[in-house]
Protein backbone atom coordinates (compact mmCIF):
# COMPACT_ATOMS: atom_id res chain seq x y z
CA MET A 1 10.67 12.42 -19.47
CA GLY A 2 10.09 14.31 -16.23
CA ILE A 3 6.33 14.43 -16.73
CA LEU A 4 6.19 10.66 -17.35
CA VAL A 5 8.17 10.04 -14.16
CA ALA A 6 5.86 12.31 -12.19
CA ILE A 7 2.73 10.64 -13.58
CA LEU A 8 4.03 7.13 -12.87
CA MET A 9 5.04 8.03 -9.34
CA LEU A 10 1.74 9.84 -8.72
CA ILE A 11 -0.36 6.91 -9.95
CA GLY A 12 1.74 4.48 -7.92
CA GLY A 13 1.57 6.65 -4.82
CA ILE A 14 -2.20 7.01 -5.06
CA ALA A 15 -2.65 3.24 -5.46
CA ILE A 16 -0.37 2.56 -2.49
CA ALA A 17 -2.25 5.08 -0.34
CA VAL A 18 -5.69 3.78 -1.35
CA GLY A 19 -4.67 0.18 -0.68
CA GLY A 20 -3.16 1.12 2.68
CA ILE A 21 -6.20 3.06 3.84
CA TRP A 22 -8.49 0.28 2.64
CA PHE A 23 -6.39 -2.29 4.55
CA ILE A 24 -6.62 -0.27 7.77
CA ILE A 25 -10.39 0.07 7.32
CA VAL A 26 -10.66 -3.72 6.95
CA THR A 27 -8.65 -4.26 10.13
CA PHE A 28 -10.85 -1.89 12.11
CA GLN A 29 -13.97 -3.58 10.70
CA GLU A 30 -12.68 -6.83 12.18
CA SER A 31 -12.06 -5.25 15.59
CA VAL A 32 -10.60 -2.13 17.15
CA LEU A 33 -7.74 -4.18 18.63
CA TRP A 34 -6.74 -5.51 15.20
CA GLY A 35 -6.84 -1.99 13.80
CA LEU A 36 -4.74 -0.51 16.58
CA GLY A 37 -2.36 -3.45 16.44
CA CYS A 38 -1.83 -3.01 12.71
CA LEU A 39 -1.18 0.69 13.19
CA PHE A 40 1.23 0.49 16.12
CA ILE A 41 2.76 -3.00 16.44
CA PRO A 42 5.22 -4.32 13.85
CA PHE A 43 4.26 -7.47 11.92
CA VAL A 44 0.64 -7.49 13.17
CA SER A 45 -0.42 -6.40 9.67
CA LEU A 46 1.31 -9.44 8.20
CA ILE A 47 -0.39 -11.73 10.70
CA PHE A 48 -3.76 -10.12 9.95
CA LEU A 49 -3.13 -10.50 6.22
CA CYS A 50 -2.38 -14.21 6.57
CA MET A 51 -5.35 -14.87 8.85
CA HIS A 52 -7.87 -12.80 6.85
CA TRP A 53 -6.67 -13.12 3.26
CA ASP A 54 -10.22 -13.28 1.94
CA ARG A 55 -10.92 -9.73 3.15
CA ALA A 56 -7.44 -8.17 3.28
CA GLY A 57 -5.95 -9.66 0.12
CA LYS A 58 -7.42 -7.19 -2.36
CA PRO A 59 -6.17 -4.03 -0.58
CA PHE A 60 -2.76 -5.65 -0.18
CA LEU A 61 -2.57 -6.53 -3.87
CA ILE A 62 -3.56 -2.97 -4.81
CA GLN A 63 -0.62 -1.71 -2.74
CA ILE A 64 1.72 -4.16 -4.50
CA ALA A 65 0.32 -3.11 -7.89
CA GLY A 66 0.96 0.53 -6.95
CA LEU A 67 4.59 -0.27 -6.23
CA VAL A 68 5.19 -1.24 -9.87
CA PRO A 69 4.63 2.19 -11.49
CA PHE A 70 6.17 3.94 -8.49
CA ILE A 71 9.40 1.93 -8.76
CA ILE A 72 9.49 2.31 -12.55
CA GLY A 73 9.07 6.07 -12.16
CA ALA A 74 11.79 6.20 -9.54
CA ALA A 75 14.13 4.18 -11.77
CA LEU A 76 13.53 6.52 -14.71
CA SER A 77 14.06 9.67 -12.67
CA GLU A 78 17.29 11.58 -12.90
CA PRO A 79 19.59 11.25 -9.91
CA GLY A 80 19.80 14.31 -7.73
CA VAL A 81 16.64 15.91 -9.05
């Protein structure tokens, strides 16, 4: 069971990281100010996502999809391990 948990959490973590990096790349492609704002100011990422869904939606959905196996793996893990 431990290997399954590790694989699920690894796959989820990789998907979350890839989606997050891709999202930041998209923000910097729009402008340096959007990129810096998304990195350092709370809720700017959400505003960017709403305003530029056509470009930022796919990386966001990849992050959400990565949460599913990560949360399942965390739920299956043994407490305290």
